[in-house]
Amino acid sequence: MSEFCLFLILAAAAAASVFLLLALHFKRLRTPLSMDEMEGHEFEYYCADLLSMNGFRNVEVTRGSGDFGADILAEKDGVTYAIQCKCYDGPVGVAAVQEVYAAKDFYDRMVGAVMTNRTFTAPAVTMARKLGILLWDRGLLKNLA
């Protein structure tokens, strides 16, 4: 077998391996998790449990309606948080960032954050950076679990 044929075989094997790894990675991102099947208030308690398991203290789920933009209030290492939870089928937009930005001040909290089982739109990311709001997406929640 010529060196060129051997090179082609190795290149094809490498390309197939990369394709397989990418396919597995994207399948994992699309694979439904238990949190994807939750209704809103159930997701809020799920997020509160994740925070508690990861060193947050005084974790409190606010009342369902009239929560002034924060679903969870918590504290970690002397820093207080107002957190908005969004269990969606698609990316979370700027409204969630705006809600928690207002809630942070309403509840006299130092940091605002949005937790979601999905991702965030580009405008939401831009706004969060400008306003100093933390965005905790599907990947982070999976790591916290």
N, C-alpha and C. Protein backbone atom coordinates (compact mmCIF):
# COMPACT_ATOMS: atom_id res chain seq x y z
N MET A 1 0.86 -1.18 0.00
CA MET A 1 0.00 0.00 0.00
C MET A 1 0.89 1.23 0.00
N SER A 2 0.58 2.18 -0.83
CA SER A 2 1.41 3.38 -0.93
C SER A 2 1.19 4.27 0.29
N GLU A 3 2.15 5.14 0.49
CA GLU A 3 2.06 6.08 1.61
C GLU A 3 0.86 7.00 1.45
N PHE A 4 0.55 7.36 0.21
CA PHE A 4 -0.59 8.24 -0.04
C PHE A 4 -1.90 7.57 0.34
N CYS A 5 -2.05 6.28 0.01
CA CYS A 5 -3.26 5.54 0.37
C CYS A 5 -3.39 5.44 1.88
N LEU A 6 -2.27 5.15 2.54
CA LEU A 6 -2.28 5.06 4.00
C LEU A 6 -2.68 6.41 4.61
N PHE A 7 -2.15 7.50 4.04
CA PHE A 7 -2.51 8.84 4.50
C PHE A 7 -4.00 9.08 4.35
N LEU A 8 -4.56 8.71 3.19
CA LEU A 8 -5.99 8.91 2.96
C LEU A 8 -6.84 8.11 3.94
N ILE A 9 -6.44 6.89 4.22
CA ILE A 9 -7.17 6.05 5.17
C ILE A 9 -7.12 6.66 6.57
N LEU A 10 -5.94 7.10 6.99
CA LEU A 10 -5.81 7.72 8.32
C LEU A 10 -6.59 9.04 8.40
N ALA A 11 -6.56 9.83 7.33
CA ALA A 11 -7.30 11.09 7.32
C ALA A 11 -8.80 10.82 7.39
N ALA A 12 -9.27 9.83 6.67
CA ALA A 12 -10.70 9.49 6.70
C ALA A 12 -11.10 9.00 8.09
N ALA A 13 -10.25 8.19 8.72
CA ALA A 13 -10.54 7.70 10.07
C ALA A 13 -10.58 8.85 11.07
N ALA A 14 -9.65 9.78 10.93
CA ALA A 14 -9.62 10.94 11.83
C ALA A 14 -10.87 11.80 11.64
N ALA A 15 -11.25 12.02 10.39
CA ALA A 15 -12.45 12.82 10.12
C ALA A 15 -13.70 12.14 10.67
N ALA A 16 -13.78 10.83 10.51
CA ALA A 16 -14.93 10.09 11.04
C ALA A 16 -14.98 10.19 12.56
N SER A 17 -13.82 10.12 13.21
CA SER A 17 -13.76 10.23 14.67
C SER A 17 -14.23 11.60 15.14
N VAL A 18 -13.78 12.64 14.47
CA VAL A 18 -14.18 14.00 14.83
C VAL A 18 -15.69 14.16 14.63
N PHE A 19 -16.20 13.67 13.51
CA PHE A 19 -17.63 13.75 13.24
C PHE A 19 -18.43 13.03 14.33
N LEU A 20 -17.99 11.85 14.72
CA LEU A 20 -18.68 11.08 15.76
C LEU A 20 -18.68 11.82 17.09
N LEU A 21 -17.54 12.39 17.46
CA LEU A 21 -17.47 13.15 18.72
C LEU A 21 -18.38 14.37 18.69
N LEU A 22 -18.41 15.08 17.57
CA LEU A 22 -19.29 16.24 17.46
C LEU A 22 -20.76 15.82 17.52
N ALA A 23 -21.10 14.75 16.84
CA ALA A 23 -22.48 14.26 16.86
C ALA A 23 -22.90 13.89 18.27
N LEU A 24 -22.03 13.23 19.02
CA LEU A 24 -22.35 12.87 20.40
C LEU A 24 -22.51 14.10 21.27
N HIS A 25 -21.63 15.09 21.07
CA HIS A 25 -21.70 16.33 21.85
C HIS A 25 -23.04 17.04 21.62
N PHE A 26 -23.44 17.20 20.35
CA PHE A 26 -24.68 17.91 20.07
C PHE A 26 -25.90 17.10 20.46
N LYS A 27 -25.81 15.79 20.40
CA LYS A 27 -26.93 14.96 20.87
C LYS A 27 -27.13 15.16 22.36
N ARG A 28 -26.03 15.23 23.12
CA ARG A 28 -26.11 15.44 24.55
C ARG A 28 -26.77 16.78 24.86
N LEU A 29 -26.47 17.82 24.06
CA LEU A 29 -27.07 19.13 24.29
C LEU A 29 -28.58 19.11 24.02
N ARG A 30 -29.02 18.28 23.06
CA ARG A 30 -30.44 18.22 22.71
C ARG A 30 -31.20 17.20 23.55
N THR A 31 -30.50 16.31 24.22
CA THR A 31 -31.16 15.26 24.97
C THR A 31 -31.96 15.88 26.12
N PRO A 32 -33.25 15.59 26.20
CA PRO A 32 -34.05 16.14 27.30
C PRO A 32 -33.54 15.64 28.65
N LEU A 33 -33.52 16.52 29.59
CA LEU A 33 -33.17 16.18 30.96
C LEU A 33 -34.43 16.25 31.80
N SER A 34 -34.37 15.72 33.00
CA SER A 34 -35.56 15.75 33.86
C SER A 34 -36.04 17.18 34.09
N MET A 35 -35.12 18.13 34.15
CA MET A 35 -35.53 19.52 34.39
C MET A 35 -36.34 20.07 33.22
N ASP A 36 -36.19 19.51 32.02
CA ASP A 36 -36.95 19.99 30.87
C ASP A 36 -38.42 19.64 30.96
N GLU A 37 -38.76 18.67 31.77
CA GLU A 37 -40.14 18.21 31.90
C GLU A 37 -40.89 18.90 33.04
N MET A 38 -40.22 19.78 33.77
CA MET A 38 -40.81 20.42 34.95
C MET A 38 -41.66 21.61 34.56
N GLU A 39 -42.68 21.88 35.38
CA GLU A 39 -43.43 23.14 35.24
C GLU A 39 -42.67 24.21 36.02
N GLY A 40 -43.06 25.45 35.82
CA GLY A 40 -42.31 26.58 36.35
C GLY A 40 -41.97 26.54 37.82
N HIS A 41 -42.97 26.34 38.69
CA HIS A 41 -42.71 26.37 40.13
C HIS A 41 -41.87 25.18 40.57
N GLU A 42 -42.10 24.04 39.95
CA GLU A 42 -41.29 22.85 40.25
C GLU A 42 -39.82 23.10 39.88
N PHE A 43 -39.59 23.78 38.74
CA PHE A 43 -38.23 24.12 38.31
C PHE A 43 -37.57 25.07 39.31
N GLU A 44 -38.33 25.99 39.86
CA GLU A 44 -37.78 26.92 40.85
C GLU A 44 -37.27 26.15 42.07
N TYR A 45 -38.04 25.17 42.55
CA TYR A 45 -37.58 24.37 43.69
C TYR A 45 -36.38 23.50 43.33
N TYR A 46 -36.35 23.01 42.10
CA TYR A 46 -35.20 22.25 41.62
C TYR A 46 -33.94 23.14 41.65
N CYS A 47 -34.06 24.36 41.16
CA CYS A 47 -32.93 25.29 41.16
C CYS A 47 -32.51 25.64 42.59
N ALA A 48 -33.48 25.83 43.47
CA ALA A 48 -33.17 26.12 44.87
C ALA A 48 -32.39 24.97 45.50
N ASP A 49 -32.79 23.74 45.20
CA ASP A 49 -32.06 22.57 45.72
C ASP A 49 -30.64 22.54 45.17
N LEU A 50 -30.46 22.84 43.89
CA LEU A 50 -29.11 22.87 43.30
C LEU A 50 -28.24 23.89 44.01
N LEU A 51 -28.81 25.06 44.26
CA LEU A 51 -28.05 26.10 44.95
C LEU A 51 -27.66 25.65 46.36
N SER A 52 -28.60 25.07 47.08
CA SER A 52 -28.32 24.59 48.44
C SER A 52 -27.21 23.54 48.44
N MET A 53 -27.25 22.64 47.45
CA MET A 53 -26.24 21.58 47.36
C MET A 53 -24.87 22.12 46.99
N ASN A 54 -24.82 23.36 46.51
CA ASN A 54 -23.57 23.95 46.06
C ASN A 54 -23.13 25.15 46.88
N GLY A 55 -23.47 25.12 48.17
CA GLY A 55 -22.92 26.10 49.10
C GLY A 55 -23.71 27.36 49.32
N PHE A 56 -24.85 27.51 48.68
CA PHE A 56 -25.69 28.69 48.93
C PHE A 56 -26.47 28.46 50.22
N ARG A 57 -26.67 29.51 50.95
CA ARG A 57 -27.39 29.45 52.22
C ARG A 57 -28.60 30.38 52.17
N ASN A 58 -29.49 30.21 53.15
CA ASN A 58 -30.70 31.03 53.23
C ASN A 58 -31.42 31.06 51.89
N VAL A 59 -31.50 29.90 51.25
CA VAL A 59 -32.16 29.79 49.94
C VAL A 59 -33.66 29.77 50.16
N GLU A 60 -34.33 30.75 49.55
CA GLU A 60 -35.78 30.89 49.73
C GLU A 60 -36.46 31.05 48.37
N VAL A 61 -37.44 30.20 48.09
CA VAL A 61 -38.26 30.35 46.89
C VAL A 61 -39.36 31.35 47.22
N THR A 62 -39.45 32.39 46.41
CA THR A 62 -40.47 33.42 46.66
C THR A 62 -41.83 32.90 46.21
N ARG A 63 -42.87 33.61 46.57
CA ARG A 63 -44.21 33.18 46.18
C ARG A 63 -44.34 33.24 44.66
N GLY A 64 -45.20 32.40 44.13
CA GLY A 64 -45.34 32.23 42.69
C GLY A 64 -45.66 33.48 41.90
N SER A 65 -46.75 34.17 42.25
CA SER A 65 -47.08 35.39 41.51
C SER A 65 -46.80 36.58 42.40
N GLY A 66 -46.49 37.68 41.77
CA GLY A 66 -46.16 38.88 42.54
C GLY A 66 -44.83 38.77 43.24
N ASP A 67 -43.87 38.08 42.59
CA ASP A 67 -42.56 37.88 43.22
C ASP A 67 -41.59 39.02 42.92
N PHE A 68 -42.05 40.04 42.21
CA PHE A 68 -41.24 41.21 41.88
C PHE A 68 -39.99 40.87 41.09
N GLY A 69 -40.05 39.79 40.31
CA GLY A 69 -38.96 39.45 39.40
C GLY A 69 -37.91 38.49 39.91
N ALA A 70 -38.04 38.06 41.15
CA ALA A 70 -37.08 37.08 41.69
C ALA A 70 -37.84 35.84 42.14
N ASP A 71 -37.39 34.69 41.69
CA ASP A 71 -38.00 33.44 42.11
C ASP A 71 -37.30 32.84 43.31
N ILE A 72 -36.01 33.16 43.46
CA ILE A 72 -35.22 32.63 44.57
C ILE A 72 -34.36 33.75 45.15
N LEU A 73 -34.28 33.79 46.46
CA LEU A 73 -33.35 34.66 47.17
C LEU A 73 -32.36 33.75 47.88
N ALA A 74 -31.07 34.10 47.81
CA ALA A 74 -30.06 33.23 48.40
C ALA A 74 -28.82 34.05 48.76
N GLU A 75 -27.91 33.36 49.44
CA GLU A 75 -26.66 33.99 49.87
C GLU A 75 -25.53 32.99 49.77
N LYS A 76 -24.35 33.47 49.37
CA LYS A 76 -23.16 32.61 49.36
C LYS A 76 -21.94 33.48 49.60
N ASP A 77 -21.15 33.08 50.57
CA ASP A 77 -19.91 33.77 50.89
C ASP A 77 -20.12 35.27 51.14
N GLY A 78 -21.21 35.59 51.81
CA GLY A 78 -21.49 36.98 52.15
C GLY A 78 -22.09 37.80 51.02
N VAL A 79 -22.33 37.19 49.89
CA VAL A 79 -22.93 37.88 48.74
C VAL A 79 -24.39 37.44 48.64
N THR A 80 -25.29 38.41 48.51
CA THR A 80 -26.72 38.09 48.41
C THR A 80 -27.17 38.12 46.94
N TYR A 81 -28.09 37.21 46.61
CA TYR A 81 -28.52 37.02 45.22
C TYR A 81 -30.04 37.10 45.10
N ALA A 82 -30.50 37.69 43.99
CA ALA A 82 -31.87 37.60 43.53
C ALA A 82 -31.80 36.80 42.23
N ILE A 83 -32.58 35.73 42.14
CA ILE A 83 -32.45 34.81 41.01
C ILE A 83 -33.80 34.60 40.33
N GLN A 84 -33.81 34.74 39.03
CA GLN A 84 -34.98 34.49 38.19
C GLN A 84 -34.79 33.13 37.52
N CYS A 85 -35.79 32.26 37.57
CA CYS A 85 -35.71 30.92 36.97
C CYS A 85 -36.63 30.86 35.75
N LYS A 86 -36.11 30.31 34.66
CA LYS A 86 -36.90 30.17 33.44
C LYS A 86 -36.73 28.76 32.89
N CYS A 87 -37.81 28.00 32.92
CA CYS A 87 -37.84 26.65 32.36
C CYS A 87 -38.56 26.75 31.01
N TYR A 88 -37.79 26.84 29.95
CA TYR A 88 -38.32 27.12 28.62
C TYR A 88 -38.02 25.99 27.64
N ASP A 89 -38.64 26.09 26.48
CA ASP A 89 -38.36 25.18 25.37
C ASP A 89 -37.31 25.75 24.43
N GLY A 90 -37.02 27.03 24.55
CA GLY A 90 -36.05 27.69 23.68
C GLY A 90 -35.23 28.68 24.48
N PRO A 91 -34.40 29.46 23.79
CA PRO A 91 -33.53 30.43 24.47
C PRO A 91 -34.30 31.49 25.25
N VAL A 92 -33.70 31.94 26.33
CA VAL A 92 -34.28 32.96 27.20
C VAL A 92 -33.85 34.34 26.70
N GLY A 93 -34.80 35.26 26.62
CA GLY A 93 -34.52 36.59 26.09
C GLY A 93 -34.29 37.65 27.15
N VAL A 94 -34.29 38.90 26.69
CA VAL A 94 -33.93 40.03 27.53
C VAL A 94 -34.92 40.29 28.67
N ALA A 95 -36.17 39.88 28.52
CA ALA A 95 -37.16 40.16 29.57
C ALA A 95 -36.74 39.58 30.92
N ALA A 96 -36.16 38.38 30.92
CA ALA A 96 -35.72 37.76 32.17
C ALA A 96 -34.59 38.56 32.81
N VAL A 97 -33.71 39.09 31.99
CA VAL A 97 -32.60 39.92 32.50
C VAL A 97 -33.17 41.20 33.11
N GLN A 98 -34.12 41.82 32.43
CA GLN A 98 -34.75 43.03 32.95
C GLN A 98 -35.47 42.77 34.27
N GLU A 99 -36.18 41.65 34.34
CA GLU A 99 -36.92 41.31 35.56
C GLU A 99 -35.99 41.16 36.76
N VAL A 100 -34.92 40.42 36.59
CA VAL A 100 -34.04 40.19 37.73
C VAL A 100 -33.21 41.43 38.07
N TYR A 101 -32.96 42.26 37.07
CA TYR A 101 -32.26 43.52 37.34
C TYR A 101 -33.08 44.38 38.28
N ALA A 102 -34.39 44.45 38.03
CA ALA A 102 -35.29 45.21 38.91
C ALA A 102 -35.42 44.51 40.26
N ALA A 103 -35.52 43.18 40.26
CA ALA A 103 -35.68 42.42 41.51
C ALA A 103 -34.48 42.58 42.43
N LYS A 104 -33.31 42.65 41.84
CA LYS A 104 -32.08 42.82 42.64
C LYS A 104 -32.18 44.06 43.52
N ASP A 105 -32.63 45.14 42.94
CA ASP A 105 -32.78 46.37 43.72
C ASP A 105 -33.98 46.30 44.66
N PHE A 106 -35.08 45.73 44.20
CA PHE A 106 -36.27 45.64 45.04
C PHE A 106 -35.98 44.86 46.32
N TYR A 107 -35.25 43.76 46.22
CA TYR A 107 -34.95 42.91 47.38
C TYR A 107 -33.64 43.29 48.07
N ASP A 108 -33.04 44.38 47.65
CA ASP A 108 -31.76 44.83 48.23
C ASP A 108 -30.70 43.73 48.17
N ARG A 109 -30.53 43.14 47.02
CA ARG A 109 -29.55 42.07 46.81
C ARG A 109 -28.36 42.62 46.04
N MET A 110 -27.21 42.00 46.24
CA MET A 110 -25.99 42.46 45.61
C MET A 110 -25.86 42.01 44.16
N VAL A 111 -26.37 40.84 43.86
CA VAL A 111 -26.20 40.23 42.53
C VAL A 111 -27.54 39.71 42.02
N GLY A 112 -27.75 39.87 40.74
CA GLY A 112 -28.90 39.28 40.07
C GLY A 112 -28.43 38.18 39.14
N ALA A 113 -29.23 37.11 39.01
CA ALA A 113 -28.87 36.00 38.13
C ALA A 113 -30.13 35.41 37.51
N VAL A 114 -29.98 34.85 36.32
CA VAL A 114 -31.06 34.13 35.66
C VAL A 114 -30.58 32.69 35.47
N MET A 115 -31.39 31.74 35.93
CA MET A 115 -31.10 30.31 35.76
C MET A 115 -32.10 29.74 34.75
N THR A 116 -31.60 28.93 33.81
CA THR A 116 -32.49 28.32 32.83
C THR A 116 -32.04 26.92 32.46
N ASN A 117 -33.00 26.15 31.99
CA ASN A 117 -32.72 24.81 31.49
C ASN A 117 -32.26 24.88 30.02
N ARG A 118 -32.20 26.04 29.45
CA ARG A 118 -31.81 26.23 28.05
C ARG A 118 -30.61 27.16 27.95
N THR A 119 -30.60 28.00 26.92
CA THR A 119 -29.52 28.97 26.69
C THR A 119 -30.14 30.36 26.67
N PHE A 120 -29.32 31.34 26.32
CA PHE A 120 -29.77 32.73 26.27
C PHE A 120 -29.60 33.30 24.86
N THR A 121 -30.48 34.20 24.49
CA THR A 121 -30.34 34.87 23.21
C THR A 121 -29.15 35.82 23.27
N ALA A 122 -28.63 36.17 22.11
CA ALA A 122 -27.51 37.12 22.05
C ALA A 122 -27.87 38.46 22.69
N PRO A 123 -29.07 39.02 22.43
CA PRO A 123 -29.42 40.28 23.09
C PRO A 123 -29.48 40.13 24.62
N ALA A 124 -29.93 38.99 25.12
CA ALA A 124 -29.96 38.78 26.57
C ALA A 124 -28.54 38.77 27.14
N VAL A 125 -27.63 38.14 26.44
CA VAL A 125 -26.22 38.09 26.89
C VAL A 125 -25.63 39.50 26.88
N THR A 126 -25.91 40.26 25.83
CA THR A 126 -25.40 41.64 25.75
C THR A 126 -25.93 42.48 26.89
N MET A 127 -27.24 42.39 27.13
CA MET A 127 -27.84 43.18 28.21
C MET A 127 -27.30 42.76 29.58
N ALA A 128 -27.18 41.45 29.79
CA ALA A 128 -26.69 40.96 31.09
C ALA A 128 -25.28 41.46 31.36
N ARG A 129 -24.44 41.44 30.35
CA ARG A 129 -23.06 41.96 30.53
C ARG A 129 -23.09 43.43 30.91
N LYS A 130 -23.91 44.19 30.23
CA LYS A 130 -23.99 45.64 30.50
C LYS A 130 -24.53 45.92 31.89
N LEU A 131 -25.52 45.13 32.34
CA LEU A 131 -26.15 45.37 33.64
C LEU A 131 -25.51 44.60 34.79
N GLY A 132 -24.56 43.73 34.50
CA GLY A 132 -23.90 42.96 35.56
C GLY A 132 -24.76 41.82 36.10
N ILE A 133 -25.59 41.24 35.24
CA ILE A 133 -26.45 40.13 35.64
C ILE A 133 -25.78 38.81 35.24
N LEU A 134 -25.76 37.84 36.14
CA LEU A 134 -25.18 36.53 35.85
C LEU A 134 -26.19 35.69 35.08
N LEU A 135 -25.69 34.93 34.11
CA LEU A 135 -26.52 34.02 33.32
C LEU A 135 -26.04 32.60 33.56
N TRP A 136 -26.92 31.78 34.14
CA TRP A 136 -26.60 30.39 34.44
C TRP A 136 -27.46 29.51 33.55
N ASP A 137 -26.83 28.88 32.56
CA ASP A 137 -27.58 28.12 31.56
C ASP A 137 -27.58 26.62 31.84
N ARG A 138 -28.11 25.88 30.88
CA ARG A 138 -28.27 24.43 30.94
C ARG A 138 -26.97 23.72 31.34
N GLY A 139 -25.87 24.13 30.73
CA GLY A 139 -24.59 23.50 31.03
C GLY A 139 -24.18 23.66 32.48
N LEU A 140 -24.35 24.85 33.02
CA LEU A 140 -24.00 25.08 34.42
C LEU A 140 -24.92 24.28 35.34
N LEU A 141 -26.20 24.28 35.05
CA LEU A 141 -27.13 23.52 35.89
C LEU A 141 -26.81 22.03 35.89
N LYS A 142 -26.42 21.50 34.72
CA LYS A 142 -26.04 20.09 34.65
C LYS A 142 -24.80 19.83 35.50
N ASN A 143 -23.87 20.79 35.51
CA ASN A 143 -22.65 20.64 36.33
C ASN A 143 -22.94 20.75 37.83
N LEU A 144 -23.93 21.53 38.19
CA LEU A 144 -24.28 21.70 39.60
C LEU A 144 -25.00 20.46 40.15
N ALA A 145 -25.67 19.73 39.27
CA ALA A 145 -26.48 18.57 39.71
C ALA A 145 -25.62 17.43 40.21
